């Protein structure tokens, strides 16, 4: 029984610590569905990519966090802030934030989107989550708001995750969109139980080994 519990603990911790070998983050954009231009990667700082500056007539302040900073398959696109200049041509700016090279994963995957600001020439913003280019959840924002949706997935590695922003500008002057899109894994109850049992067993073994018995 003791051997079985130790094996269960090891298995649970292996599930919790499963890591992708070659995960990478890329931030890119296109205009009106055209060719994509890469803005940043996490090549220099694995697990974190960001870009602040002007490109294609827009100002970008965008960042993303993934593995190894966050446990896979969690993926956080943080503080996406897009501003258009005095561009009088209506257009849709497409922003792609992608993490590739993830290990296999089976279980719930939660998509959480927020819209903090949609002002000026920014008339709307659609946020979409995808795995291997297959849509999970999507929501159209025309002002501040939040959205949460879940999917049960069975993904064979290596797989990719993408949070896509499609921001529509009317072309009547400057406009701003600010929001976030996150993907978060939720361990199944059985996994939670194995993890709790495993960590408890390891703690008990360590405590027993550290106990000293004194003889008169």
N, C-alpha and C. Protein backbone atom coordinates (compact mmCIF):
# COMPACT_ATOMS: atom_id res chain seq x y z
N UNK A 1 0.84 -1.20 0.00
CA UNK A 1 0.00 0.00 0.00
C UNK A 1 0.87 1.25 0.00
N UNK A 2 1.94 1.21 0.82
CA UNK A 2 2.83 2.35 0.90
C UNK A 2 3.48 2.61 -0.44
N UNK A 3 3.89 1.53 -1.12
CA UNK A 3 4.53 1.67 -2.43
C UNK A 3 3.55 2.29 -3.43
N UNK A 4 2.29 1.86 -3.36
CA UNK A 4 1.28 2.41 -4.27
C UNK A 4 1.09 3.90 -4.03
N UNK A 5 1.05 4.30 -2.76
CA UNK A 5 0.86 5.72 -2.46
C UNK A 5 2.04 6.55 -2.95
N UNK A 6 3.24 6.03 -2.80
CA UNK A 6 4.41 6.76 -3.28
C UNK A 6 4.36 6.90 -4.80
N UNK A 7 3.92 5.83 -5.48
CA UNK A 7 3.80 5.90 -6.94
C UNK A 7 2.74 6.91 -7.34
N UNK A 8 1.64 6.95 -6.59
CA UNK A 8 0.58 7.91 -6.88
C UNK A 8 1.07 9.33 -6.69
N UNK A 9 1.86 9.54 -5.62
CA UNK A 9 2.40 10.87 -5.36
C UNK A 9 3.33 11.30 -6.48
N UNK A 10 4.18 10.38 -6.90
CA UNK A 10 5.11 10.70 -7.98
C UNK A 10 4.36 11.01 -9.27
N UNK A 11 3.30 10.24 -9.54
CA UNK A 11 2.51 10.47 -10.74
C UNK A 11 1.82 11.82 -10.70
N UNK A 12 1.27 12.16 -9.54
CA UNK A 12 0.58 13.44 -9.42
C UNK A 12 1.53 14.59 -9.61
N UNK A 13 2.72 14.50 -9.03
CA UNK A 13 3.67 15.59 -9.17
C UNK A 13 4.20 15.66 -10.58
N UNK A 14 4.27 14.52 -11.26
CA UNK A 14 4.70 14.53 -12.67
C UNK A 14 3.67 15.24 -13.52
N UNK A 15 2.37 15.01 -13.24
CA UNK A 15 1.32 15.71 -13.96
C UNK A 15 1.43 17.20 -13.73
N UNK A 16 1.66 17.61 -12.48
CA UNK A 16 1.73 19.02 -12.15
C UNK A 16 2.94 19.68 -12.76
N UNK A 17 4.04 18.91 -12.94
CA UNK A 17 5.28 19.50 -13.39
C UNK A 17 5.57 19.24 -14.85
N UNK A 18 4.62 18.66 -15.60
CA UNK A 18 4.85 18.37 -17.01
C UNK A 18 5.23 19.64 -17.74
N UNK A 19 6.31 19.60 -18.50
CA UNK A 19 6.80 20.81 -19.14
C UNK A 19 7.05 20.58 -20.62
N UNK A 20 6.69 21.57 -21.46
CA UNK A 20 6.98 21.45 -22.87
C UNK A 20 8.46 21.67 -23.13
N UNK A 21 8.99 20.97 -24.10
CA UNK A 21 10.43 21.04 -24.35
C UNK A 21 10.82 22.29 -25.12
N UNK A 22 10.00 22.72 -26.08
CA UNK A 22 10.41 23.80 -26.98
C UNK A 22 9.32 24.86 -27.12
N UNK A 23 8.68 25.23 -26.02
CA UNK A 23 7.64 26.24 -26.09
C UNK A 23 8.24 27.58 -26.51
N UNK A 24 7.48 28.35 -27.26
CA UNK A 24 7.94 29.66 -27.71
C UNK A 24 6.74 30.58 -27.90
N UNK A 25 6.92 31.88 -27.66
CA UNK A 25 5.87 32.88 -27.79
C UNK A 25 6.22 33.82 -28.93
N UNK A 26 5.22 34.14 -29.75
CA UNK A 26 5.38 35.09 -30.84
C UNK A 26 4.23 36.09 -30.82
N UNK A 27 4.54 37.37 -31.02
CA UNK A 27 3.54 38.42 -31.15
C UNK A 27 3.65 38.99 -32.56
N UNK A 28 2.55 38.99 -33.29
CA UNK A 28 2.56 39.50 -34.66
C UNK A 28 1.26 40.23 -34.95
N UNK A 29 1.24 40.93 -36.10
CA UNK A 29 0.02 41.65 -36.48
C UNK A 29 -0.15 41.64 -37.99
N UNK A 30 -1.36 41.90 -38.42
CA UNK A 30 -1.66 42.12 -39.83
C UNK A 30 -2.76 43.16 -39.90
N UNK A 31 -3.01 43.66 -41.10
CA UNK A 31 -4.06 44.65 -41.31
C UNK A 31 -5.02 44.11 -42.35
N UNK A 32 -6.30 44.09 -41.98
CA UNK A 32 -7.35 43.58 -42.86
C UNK A 32 -7.07 42.16 -43.34
N UNK A 33 -6.52 41.32 -42.45
CA UNK A 33 -6.30 39.92 -42.77
C UNK A 33 -5.15 39.66 -43.71
N UNK A 34 -4.26 40.63 -43.88
CA UNK A 34 -3.12 40.46 -44.78
C UNK A 34 -1.99 39.66 -44.15
N UNK A 35 -0.81 39.79 -44.75
CA UNK A 35 0.36 39.05 -44.27
C UNK A 35 0.73 39.50 -42.86
N UNK A 36 1.18 38.54 -42.05
CA UNK A 36 1.54 38.84 -40.67
C UNK A 36 2.98 39.35 -40.57
N UNK A 37 3.16 40.32 -39.69
CA UNK A 37 4.49 40.87 -39.38
C UNK A 37 4.80 40.59 -37.92
N UNK A 38 5.94 39.98 -37.65
CA UNK A 38 6.32 39.64 -36.28
C UNK A 38 6.82 40.90 -35.57
N UNK A 39 6.27 41.13 -34.38
CA UNK A 39 6.69 42.25 -33.54
C UNK A 39 7.70 41.83 -32.48
N UNK A 40 7.53 40.62 -31.91
CA UNK A 40 8.40 40.20 -30.81
C UNK A 40 8.29 38.70 -30.61
N UNK A 41 9.34 38.13 -30.03
CA UNK A 41 9.35 36.74 -29.59
C UNK A 41 9.96 36.68 -28.20
N UNK A 42 9.92 35.49 -27.60
CA UNK A 42 10.52 35.32 -26.27
C UNK A 42 11.89 34.67 -26.37
N UNK A 43 12.56 34.80 -27.50
CA UNK A 43 13.85 34.13 -27.70
C UNK A 43 14.87 34.54 -26.64
N UNK A 44 14.89 35.80 -26.26
CA UNK A 44 15.86 36.26 -25.26
C UNK A 44 15.42 36.05 -23.84
N UNK A 45 14.12 36.00 -23.61
CA UNK A 45 13.57 35.83 -22.26
C UNK A 45 12.48 34.78 -22.33
N UNK A 46 12.81 33.50 -22.30
CA UNK A 46 11.81 32.43 -22.45
C UNK A 46 10.64 32.60 -21.49
N UNK A 47 9.45 32.50 -22.04
CA UNK A 47 8.24 32.62 -21.23
C UNK A 47 7.68 34.01 -21.14
N UNK A 48 8.35 35.00 -21.74
CA UNK A 48 7.87 36.39 -21.67
C UNK A 48 8.24 37.12 -22.95
N UNK A 49 7.23 37.68 -23.61
CA UNK A 49 7.45 38.45 -24.83
C UNK A 49 6.67 39.75 -24.74
N UNK A 50 7.22 40.81 -25.31
CA UNK A 50 6.52 42.09 -25.28
C UNK A 50 7.03 43.04 -26.34
N UNK A 51 6.19 44.00 -26.69
CA UNK A 51 6.57 45.00 -27.68
C UNK A 51 5.90 46.32 -27.33
N UNK A 52 6.69 47.39 -27.33
CA UNK A 52 6.17 48.74 -27.14
C UNK A 52 6.75 49.60 -28.25
N UNK A 53 5.88 50.16 -29.08
CA UNK A 53 6.36 50.98 -30.18
C UNK A 53 5.34 51.10 -31.28
N UNK A 54 5.76 51.75 -32.37
CA UNK A 54 4.87 51.99 -33.51
C UNK A 54 5.15 51.00 -34.63
N UNK A 55 4.07 50.56 -35.27
CA UNK A 55 4.19 49.66 -36.42
C UNK A 55 2.90 49.74 -37.22
N UNK A 56 3.02 49.84 -38.55
CA UNK A 56 1.86 49.83 -39.42
C UNK A 56 0.88 50.96 -39.20
N UNK A 57 1.32 52.07 -38.61
CA UNK A 57 0.43 53.18 -38.33
C UNK A 57 -0.29 53.08 -37.01
N UNK A 58 0.10 52.12 -36.16
CA UNK A 58 -0.52 51.94 -34.86
C UNK A 58 0.55 51.91 -33.77
N UNK A 59 0.15 52.31 -32.56
CA UNK A 59 1.04 52.19 -31.41
C UNK A 59 0.66 50.95 -30.62
N UNK A 60 1.65 50.10 -30.33
CA UNK A 60 1.43 48.85 -29.61
C UNK A 60 2.09 48.91 -28.23
N UNK A 61 1.38 48.44 -27.24
CA UNK A 61 1.95 48.14 -25.93
C UNK A 61 1.35 46.80 -25.52
N UNK A 62 2.07 45.72 -25.80
CA UNK A 62 1.49 44.39 -25.65
C UNK A 62 2.52 43.44 -25.05
N UNK A 63 2.05 42.56 -24.17
CA UNK A 63 2.94 41.57 -23.56
C UNK A 63 2.22 40.25 -23.37
N UNK A 64 3.01 39.19 -23.22
CA UNK A 64 2.44 37.85 -23.03
C UNK A 64 3.35 37.03 -22.13
N UNK A 65 2.76 36.16 -21.33
CA UNK A 65 3.50 35.29 -20.43
C UNK A 65 3.02 33.85 -20.61
N UNK A 66 3.97 32.94 -20.77
CA UNK A 66 3.65 31.52 -20.90
C UNK A 66 4.71 30.69 -20.21
N UNK A 67 4.92 29.47 -20.71
CA UNK A 67 5.92 28.59 -20.13
C UNK A 67 7.32 29.11 -20.47
N UNK A 68 8.32 29.07 -19.54
CA UNK A 68 8.29 28.40 -18.23
C UNK A 68 7.89 29.29 -17.07
N UNK A 69 7.54 30.55 -17.32
CA UNK A 69 7.11 31.41 -16.22
C UNK A 69 5.77 30.94 -15.67
N UNK A 70 4.86 30.59 -16.55
CA UNK A 70 3.56 30.03 -16.15
C UNK A 70 3.55 28.54 -16.48
N UNK A 71 2.87 27.72 -15.68
CA UNK A 71 2.78 26.28 -15.99
C UNK A 71 1.96 26.07 -17.26
N UNK A 72 2.45 25.20 -18.15
CA UNK A 72 1.68 24.95 -19.36
C UNK A 72 0.41 24.15 -19.03
N UNK A 73 -0.71 24.40 -19.65
CA UNK A 73 -0.88 25.26 -20.82
C UNK A 73 -1.41 26.66 -20.51
N UNK A 74 -1.15 27.22 -19.31
CA UNK A 74 -1.61 28.57 -19.00
C UNK A 74 -0.91 29.58 -19.91
N UNK A 75 -1.67 30.56 -20.40
CA UNK A 75 -1.14 31.55 -21.34
C UNK A 75 -1.84 32.87 -21.07
N UNK A 76 -1.08 33.90 -20.72
CA UNK A 76 -1.64 35.18 -20.32
C UNK A 76 -1.18 36.27 -21.28
N UNK A 77 -2.12 36.97 -21.91
CA UNK A 77 -1.78 38.11 -22.74
C UNK A 77 -2.15 39.36 -21.95
N UNK A 78 -1.14 40.07 -21.53
CA UNK A 78 -1.33 41.11 -20.52
C UNK A 78 -1.24 42.51 -21.13
N UNK A 79 -2.11 43.39 -20.67
CA UNK A 79 -2.02 44.82 -20.95
C UNK A 79 -1.89 45.13 -22.44
N UNK A 80 -2.73 44.51 -23.25
CA UNK A 80 -2.72 44.86 -24.66
C UNK A 80 -3.36 46.22 -24.83
N UNK A 81 -2.57 47.18 -25.33
CA UNK A 81 -3.06 48.53 -25.53
C UNK A 81 -2.71 48.95 -26.96
N UNK A 82 -3.71 49.24 -27.77
CA UNK A 82 -3.52 49.60 -29.16
C UNK A 82 -4.10 50.99 -29.40
N UNK A 83 -3.32 51.84 -30.06
CA UNK A 83 -3.81 53.17 -30.41
C UNK A 83 -3.56 53.42 -31.89
N UNK A 84 -4.56 53.98 -32.57
CA UNK A 84 -4.39 54.36 -33.96
C UNK A 84 -4.00 55.83 -34.03
N UNK A 85 -3.29 56.20 -35.09
CA UNK A 85 -2.95 57.60 -35.29
C UNK A 85 -4.04 58.32 -36.04
N UNK A 86 -3.68 59.38 -36.72
CA UNK A 86 -4.66 60.14 -37.49
C UNK A 86 -4.86 59.49 -38.86
N UNK A 87 -5.18 58.20 -38.82
CA UNK A 87 -5.36 57.44 -40.05
C UNK A 87 -6.83 57.53 -40.46
N UNK A 88 -7.08 58.11 -41.63
CA UNK A 88 -8.46 58.32 -42.06
C UNK A 88 -9.00 57.18 -42.91
N UNK A 89 -8.28 56.05 -42.93
CA UNK A 89 -8.73 54.89 -43.69
C UNK A 89 -9.29 53.85 -42.74
N UNK A 90 -10.56 53.49 -42.85
CA UNK A 90 -11.10 52.42 -41.99
C UNK A 90 -10.33 51.13 -42.19
N UNK A 91 -10.05 50.43 -41.09
CA UNK A 91 -9.27 49.19 -41.18
C UNK A 91 -9.51 48.35 -39.95
N UNK A 92 -9.21 47.06 -40.08
CA UNK A 92 -9.23 46.14 -38.95
C UNK A 92 -7.81 45.68 -38.68
N UNK A 93 -7.35 45.95 -37.47
CA UNK A 93 -6.03 45.52 -37.05
C UNK A 93 -6.14 44.16 -36.39
N UNK A 94 -5.39 43.18 -36.89
CA UNK A 94 -5.38 41.82 -36.33
C UNK A 94 -4.10 41.62 -35.55
N UNK A 95 -4.23 41.27 -34.28
CA UNK A 95 -3.06 41.01 -33.42
C UNK A 95 -3.10 39.55 -32.99
N UNK A 96 -1.98 38.84 -33.20
CA UNK A 96 -1.90 37.42 -32.88
C UNK A 96 -0.82 37.22 -31.81
N UNK A 97 -1.21 36.59 -30.70
CA UNK A 97 -0.26 36.26 -29.65
C UNK A 97 -0.32 34.74 -29.48
N UNK A 98 0.78 34.07 -29.84
CA UNK A 98 0.77 32.61 -29.98
C UNK A 98 1.88 31.97 -29.17
N UNK A 99 1.53 30.86 -28.53
CA UNK A 99 2.51 30.02 -27.84
C UNK A 99 2.51 28.65 -28.51
N UNK A 100 3.67 28.20 -28.95
CA UNK A 100 3.78 26.93 -29.68
C UNK A 100 4.61 25.93 -28.89
N UNK A 101 4.59 24.67 -29.34
CA UNK A 101 5.45 23.64 -28.77
C UNK A 101 5.04 23.15 -27.41
N UNK A 102 3.72 23.13 -27.11
CA UNK A 102 3.24 22.69 -25.81
C UNK A 102 3.04 21.18 -25.78
N UNK A 103 3.18 20.59 -24.58
CA UNK A 103 2.97 19.15 -24.40
C UNK A 103 1.49 18.81 -24.51
N UNK A 104 1.20 17.51 -24.56
CA UNK A 104 -0.19 17.04 -24.58
C UNK A 104 -0.91 17.50 -23.32
N UNK A 105 -2.21 17.79 -23.49
CA UNK A 105 -3.03 18.22 -22.35
C UNK A 105 -4.46 17.75 -22.57
N UNK A 106 -5.05 17.19 -21.53
CA UNK A 106 -6.45 16.79 -21.54
C UNK A 106 -7.14 17.35 -20.31
N UNK A 107 -8.21 18.09 -20.52
CA UNK A 107 -8.94 18.66 -19.40
C UNK A 107 -9.59 19.97 -19.77
N UNK A 108 -10.15 20.69 -18.79
CA UNK A 108 -10.81 21.97 -19.06
C UNK A 108 -9.78 23.06 -19.37
N UNK A 109 -10.13 23.94 -20.31
CA UNK A 109 -9.31 25.10 -20.63
C UNK A 109 -10.24 26.31 -20.65
N UNK A 110 -9.97 27.26 -19.75
CA UNK A 110 -10.85 28.41 -19.57
C UNK A 110 -10.29 29.61 -20.34
N UNK A 111 -11.16 30.25 -21.12
CA UNK A 111 -10.81 31.48 -21.83
C UNK A 111 -11.46 32.66 -21.11
N UNK A 112 -10.64 33.64 -20.73
CA UNK A 112 -11.14 34.82 -20.03
C UNK A 112 -10.69 36.07 -20.78
N UNK A 113 -11.64 36.87 -21.24
CA UNK A 113 -11.34 38.08 -22.00
C UNK A 113 -11.86 39.29 -21.23
N UNK A 114 -11.13 40.40 -21.33
CA UNK A 114 -11.61 41.66 -20.76
C UNK A 114 -11.43 42.78 -21.78
N UNK A 115 -12.32 43.74 -21.72
CA UNK A 115 -12.20 44.97 -22.49
C UNK A 115 -12.28 46.12 -21.50
N UNK A 116 -11.18 46.84 -21.37
CA UNK A 116 -11.15 47.97 -20.44
C UNK A 116 -11.54 49.27 -21.13
N UNK A 117 -11.13 49.41 -22.40
CA UNK A 117 -11.36 50.66 -23.11
C UNK A 117 -11.60 50.39 -24.59
N UNK A 118 -12.67 50.94 -25.13
CA UNK A 118 -12.89 51.01 -26.58
C UNK A 118 -13.37 52.43 -26.85
N UNK A 119 -12.47 53.29 -27.35
CA UNK A 119 -12.81 54.70 -27.48
C UNK A 119 -12.41 55.24 -28.85
N UNK A 120 -12.97 56.39 -29.18
CA UNK A 120 -12.60 57.10 -30.40
C UNK A 120 -12.90 56.28 -31.64
N UNK A 121 -11.91 56.22 -32.54
CA UNK A 121 -12.08 55.52 -33.81
C UNK A 121 -12.11 54.01 -33.64
N UNK A 122 -11.75 53.51 -32.47
CA UNK A 122 -11.85 52.06 -32.21
C UNK A 122 -13.31 51.74 -31.92
N UNK A 123 -14.00 51.18 -32.91
CA UNK A 123 -15.43 50.97 -32.75
C UNK A 123 -15.76 49.66 -32.06
N UNK A 124 -14.90 48.63 -32.23
CA UNK A 124 -15.16 47.34 -31.60
C UNK A 124 -13.88 46.51 -31.60
N UNK A 125 -13.88 45.47 -30.76
CA UNK A 125 -12.74 44.55 -30.70
C UNK A 125 -13.27 43.15 -30.44
N UNK A 126 -12.90 42.23 -31.30
CA UNK A 126 -13.26 40.83 -31.11
C UNK A 126 -12.05 40.08 -30.59
N UNK A 127 -12.22 39.37 -29.47
CA UNK A 127 -11.14 38.58 -28.88
C UNK A 127 -11.50 37.10 -29.05
N UNK A 128 -10.53 36.32 -29.53
CA UNK A 128 -10.78 34.91 -29.84
C UNK A 128 -9.63 34.07 -29.32
N UNK A 129 -9.94 32.92 -28.71
CA UNK A 129 -8.92 31.96 -28.30
C UNK A 129 -8.96 30.77 -29.24
N UNK A 130 -7.77 30.23 -29.57
CA UNK A 130 -7.67 29.11 -30.49
C UNK A 130 -6.60 28.14 -30.01
N UNK A 131 -6.78 26.86 -30.35
CA UNK A 131 -5.72 25.87 -30.20
C UNK A 131 -5.54 25.20 -31.56
N UNK A 132 -4.28 25.15 -32.02
CA UNK A 132 -3.99 24.59 -33.34
C UNK A 132 -4.90 25.20 -34.42
N UNK A 133 -5.13 26.51 -34.32
CA UNK A 133 -5.94 27.26 -35.28
C UNK A 133 -7.43 26.91 -35.22
N UNK A 134 -7.86 26.11 -34.24
CA UNK A 134 -9.28 25.79 -34.06
C UNK A 134 -9.85 26.68 -32.97
N UNK A 135 -10.94 27.36 -33.27
CA UNK A 135 -11.52 28.31 -32.33
C UNK A 135 -12.07 27.63 -31.09
N UNK A 136 -11.75 28.21 -29.92
CA UNK A 136 -12.34 27.78 -28.66
C UNK A 136 -13.49 28.70 -28.28
N UNK A 137 -13.16 29.97 -27.99
CA UNK A 137 -14.16 30.94 -27.57
C UNK A 137 -13.91 32.26 -28.31
N UNK A 138 -14.96 33.06 -28.45
CA UNK A 138 -14.83 34.38 -29.07
C UNK A 138 -15.88 35.31 -28.50
N UNK A 139 -15.56 36.60 -28.45
CA UNK A 139 -16.52 37.58 -27.95
C UNK A 139 -16.23 38.94 -28.58
N UNK A 140 -17.29 39.65 -28.94
CA UNK A 140 -17.18 40.98 -29.53
C UNK A 140 -17.46 42.02 -28.46
N UNK A 141 -16.51 42.95 -28.29
CA UNK A 141 -16.66 44.04 -27.32
C UNK A 141 -16.86 45.36 -28.07
N UNK A 142 -17.82 46.14 -27.62
CA UNK A 142 -18.00 47.49 -28.12
C UNK A 142 -17.80 48.52 -27.01
N UNK A 143 -17.41 48.05 -25.86
CA UNK A 143 -17.14 48.89 -24.70
C UNK A 143 -16.54 48.03 -23.62
N UNK A 144 -16.42 48.54 -22.39
CA UNK A 144 -15.87 47.74 -21.29
C UNK A 144 -16.73 46.53 -21.00
N UNK A 145 -16.07 45.44 -20.61
CA UNK A 145 -16.81 44.22 -20.28
C UNK A 145 -15.88 43.05 -20.05
N UNK A 146 -16.45 41.93 -19.64
CA UNK A 146 -15.69 40.71 -19.42
C UNK A 146 -16.43 39.53 -20.05
N UNK A 147 -15.67 38.48 -20.33
CA UNK A 147 -16.24 37.27 -20.91
C UNK A 147 -15.43 36.08 -20.43
N UNK A 148 -16.13 34.99 -20.06
CA UNK A 148 -15.47 33.75 -19.67
C UNK A 148 -16.19 32.57 -20.32
N UNK A 149 -15.42 31.67 -20.91
CA UNK A 149 -15.98 30.47 -21.51
C UNK A 149 -15.03 29.31 -21.34
N UNK A 150 -15.55 28.09 -21.24
CA UNK A 150 -14.71 26.92 -21.01
C UNK A 150 -14.87 25.88 -22.10
N UNK A 151 -13.81 25.12 -22.32
CA UNK A 151 -13.82 24.00 -23.26
C UNK A 151 -13.10 22.82 -22.64
N UNK A 152 -13.65 21.62 -22.83
CA UNK A 152 -12.92 20.40 -22.50
C UNK A 152 -12.13 19.97 -23.74
N UNK A 153 -10.82 19.87 -23.59
CA UNK A 153 -9.97 19.59 -24.75
C UNK A 153 -9.13 18.34 -24.50
N UNK A 154 -8.76 17.69 -25.58
CA UNK A 154 -7.84 16.56 -25.56
C UNK A 154 -6.81 16.83 -26.65
N UNK A 155 -5.68 17.38 -26.26
CA UNK A 155 -4.70 17.88 -27.21
C UNK A 155 -3.44 17.03 -27.17
N UNK A 156 -2.99 16.61 -28.32
CA UNK A 156 -1.76 15.85 -28.44
C UNK A 156 -0.62 16.79 -28.79
N UNK A 157 0.44 16.73 -28.02
CA UNK A 157 1.57 17.62 -28.26
C UNK A 157 2.38 17.23 -29.47
N UNK A 158 3.11 18.19 -30.05
CA UNK A 158 3.09 19.60 -29.66
C UNK A 158 1.86 20.32 -30.22
N UNK A 159 1.27 21.21 -29.39
CA UNK A 159 0.15 21.99 -29.87
C UNK A 159 0.41 23.47 -29.59
N UNK A 160 -0.41 24.31 -30.21
CA UNK A 160 -0.23 25.76 -30.05
C UNK A 160 -1.50 26.39 -29.49
N UNK A 161 -1.31 27.55 -28.86
CA UNK A 161 -2.42 28.37 -28.36
C UNK A 161 -2.28 29.76 -28.95
N UNK A 162 -3.40 30.38 -29.27
CA UNK A 162 -3.38 31.74 -29.79
C UNK A 162 -4.51 32.55 -29.18
N UNK A 163 -4.19 33.77 -28.78
CA UNK A 163 -5.22 34.76 -28.47
C UNK A 163 -5.16 35.79 -29.59
N UNK A 164 -6.29 35.96 -30.29
CA UNK A 164 -6.35 36.85 -31.44
C UNK A 164 -7.26 38.03 -31.13
N UNK A 165 -6.79 39.22 -31.48
CA UNK A 165 -7.58 40.44 -31.33
C UNK A 165 -7.84 41.01 -32.72
N UNK A 166 -9.09 41.27 -33.05
CA UNK A 166 -9.47 41.93 -34.29
C UNK A 166 -10.12 43.25 -33.92
N UNK A 167 -9.37 44.34 -34.08
CA UNK A 167 -9.82 45.65 -33.61
C UNK A 167 -10.22 46.49 -34.82
N UNK A 168 -11.47 46.90 -34.86
CA UNK A 168 -11.99 47.68 -35.98
C UNK A 168 -11.87 49.17 -35.70
N UNK A 169 -11.25 49.88 -36.65
CA UNK A 169 -11.11 51.33 -36.56
C UNK A 169 -11.91 51.97 -37.69
N UNK A 170 -12.66 53.03 -37.36
CA UNK A 170 -13.54 53.66 -38.33
C UNK A 170 -12.80 54.59 -39.29
N UNK A 171 -11.58 55.00 -38.91
CA UNK A 171 -10.83 55.91 -39.77
C UNK A 171 -11.22 57.36 -39.61
N UNK A 172 -11.86 57.72 -38.50
CA UNK A 172 -12.28 59.11 -38.27
C UNK A 172 -11.39 59.82 -37.26
N UNK A 173 -10.16 59.34 -37.08
CA UNK A 173 -9.25 59.95 -36.13
C UNK A 173 -8.65 58.92 -35.21
N UNK A 174 -8.01 59.35 -34.12
CA UNK A 174 -7.36 58.40 -33.21
C UNK A 174 -8.37 57.60 -32.41
N UNK A 175 -7.96 56.40 -32.02
CA UNK A 175 -8.80 55.53 -31.20
C UNK A 175 -7.95 54.60 -30.38
N UNK A 176 -8.53 54.03 -29.34
CA UNK A 176 -7.77 53.18 -28.41
C UNK A 176 -8.58 51.95 -28.02
N UNK A 177 -7.90 50.81 -27.96
CA UNK A 177 -8.46 49.61 -27.35
C UNK A 177 -7.47 49.10 -26.31
N UNK A 178 -7.98 48.74 -25.15
CA UNK A 178 -7.16 48.14 -24.10
C UNK A 178 -7.90 46.95 -23.53
N UNK A 179 -7.23 45.79 -23.47
CA UNK A 179 -7.88 44.60 -22.94
C UNK A 179 -6.90 43.46 -22.74
N UNK A 180 -7.42 42.31 -22.30
CA UNK A 180 -6.60 41.13 -22.05
C UNK A 180 -7.33 39.88 -22.53
N UNK A 181 -6.56 38.84 -22.77
CA UNK A 181 -7.13 37.54 -23.09
C UNK A 181 -6.25 36.45 -22.49
N UNK A 182 -6.82 35.61 -21.65
CA UNK A 182 -6.05 34.60 -20.93
C UNK A 182 -6.63 33.21 -21.14
N UNK A 183 -5.74 32.22 -21.17
CA UNK A 183 -6.13 30.81 -21.21
C UNK A 183 -5.58 30.14 -19.95
N UNK A 184 -6.45 29.45 -19.23
CA UNK A 184 -6.06 28.87 -17.95
C UNK A 184 -6.56 27.44 -17.86
N UNK A 185 -5.68 26.53 -17.46
CA UNK A 185 -6.06 25.13 -17.26
C UNK A 185 -6.67 24.95 -15.88
N UNK A 186 -7.64 24.05 -15.78
CA UNK A 186 -8.27 23.72 -14.50
C UNK A 186 -8.11 22.22 -14.27
N UNK A 187 -7.28 21.81 -13.30
CA UNK A 187 -7.11 20.37 -13.05
C UNK A 187 -8.42 19.71 -12.71
N UNK A 188 -8.62 18.49 -13.21
CA UNK A 188 -9.82 17.74 -12.89
C UNK A 188 -9.80 17.30 -11.43
N UNK A 189 -10.97 17.03 -10.83
CA UNK A 189 -11.02 16.65 -9.41
C UNK A 189 -10.11 15.48 -9.08
N UNK A 190 -10.03 14.49 -9.96
CA UNK A 190 -9.17 13.33 -9.68
C UNK A 190 -7.71 13.74 -9.60
N UNK A 191 -7.33 14.69 -10.48
CA UNK A 191 -5.94 15.16 -10.45
C UNK A 191 -5.67 15.93 -9.17
N UNK A 192 -6.61 16.79 -8.77
CA UNK A 192 -6.46 17.50 -7.51
C UNK A 192 -6.30 16.52 -6.35
N UNK A 193 -7.13 15.49 -6.31
CA UNK A 193 -7.07 14.53 -5.22
C UNK A 193 -5.71 13.83 -5.19
N UNK A 194 -5.21 13.42 -6.36
CA UNK A 194 -3.91 12.75 -6.41
C UNK A 194 -2.80 13.69 -5.95
N UNK A 195 -2.88 14.97 -6.37
CA UNK A 195 -1.85 15.93 -5.98
C UNK A 195 -1.86 16.15 -4.47
N UNK A 196 -3.05 16.35 -3.91
CA UNK A 196 -3.15 16.58 -2.46
C UNK A 196 -2.64 15.36 -1.69
N UNK A 197 -3.06 14.16 -2.12
CA UNK A 197 -2.61 12.95 -1.47
C UNK A 197 -1.10 12.79 -1.59
N UNK A 198 -0.58 13.10 -2.79
CA UNK A 198 0.85 12.95 -3.02
C UNK A 198 1.68 13.89 -2.18
N UNK A 199 1.28 15.17 -2.15
CA UNK A 199 2.03 16.14 -1.35
C UNK A 199 1.92 15.82 0.13
N UNK A 200 0.73 15.36 0.57
CA UNK A 200 0.56 15.00 1.98
C UNK A 200 1.45 13.83 2.36
N UNK A 201 1.54 12.83 1.47
CA UNK A 201 2.37 11.67 1.76
C UNK A 201 3.84 12.04 1.85
N UNK A 202 4.28 12.88 0.89
CA UNK A 202 5.69 13.30 0.90
C UNK A 202 5.99 14.07 2.17
N UNK A 203 5.06 14.96 2.58
CA UNK A 203 5.26 15.71 3.81
C UNK A 203 5.33 14.80 5.02
N UNK A 204 4.46 13.77 5.06
CA UNK A 204 4.47 12.85 6.18
C UNK A 204 5.76 12.05 6.26
N UNK A 205 6.27 11.60 5.10
CA UNK A 205 7.53 10.85 5.08
C UNK A 205 8.67 11.72 5.57
N UNK A 206 8.72 12.98 5.11
CA UNK A 206 9.79 13.87 5.53
C UNK A 206 9.72 14.14 7.02
N UNK A 207 8.51 14.29 7.56
CA UNK A 207 8.36 14.55 8.99
C UNK A 207 8.81 13.34 9.80
N UNK A 208 8.46 12.13 9.32
CA UNK A 208 8.84 10.92 10.03
C UNK A 208 10.37 10.78 10.04
N UNK A 209 11.00 11.10 8.93
CA UNK A 209 12.46 10.96 8.85
C UNK A 209 13.16 11.96 9.76
N UNK A 210 12.53 13.10 9.99
CA UNK A 210 13.17 14.11 10.82
C UNK A 210 12.92 13.92 12.31
N UNK A 211 12.07 12.94 12.67
CA UNK A 211 11.77 12.69 14.08
C UNK A 211 12.88 11.88 14.72
N UNK A 212 13.36 12.32 15.85
CA UNK A 212 14.41 11.63 16.58
C UNK A 212 13.83 10.98 17.83
N UNK A 213 14.25 9.76 18.11
CA UNK A 213 13.77 9.04 19.29
C UNK A 213 14.92 8.92 20.28
N UNK A 214 14.67 9.36 21.49
CA UNK A 214 15.69 9.30 22.55
C UNK A 214 15.40 8.13 23.46
N UNK A 215 16.43 7.36 23.81
CA UNK A 215 16.29 6.22 24.72
C UNK A 215 16.95 6.55 26.04
N UNK A 216 16.27 6.17 27.14
CA UNK A 216 16.84 6.43 28.48
C UNK A 216 17.98 5.47 28.71
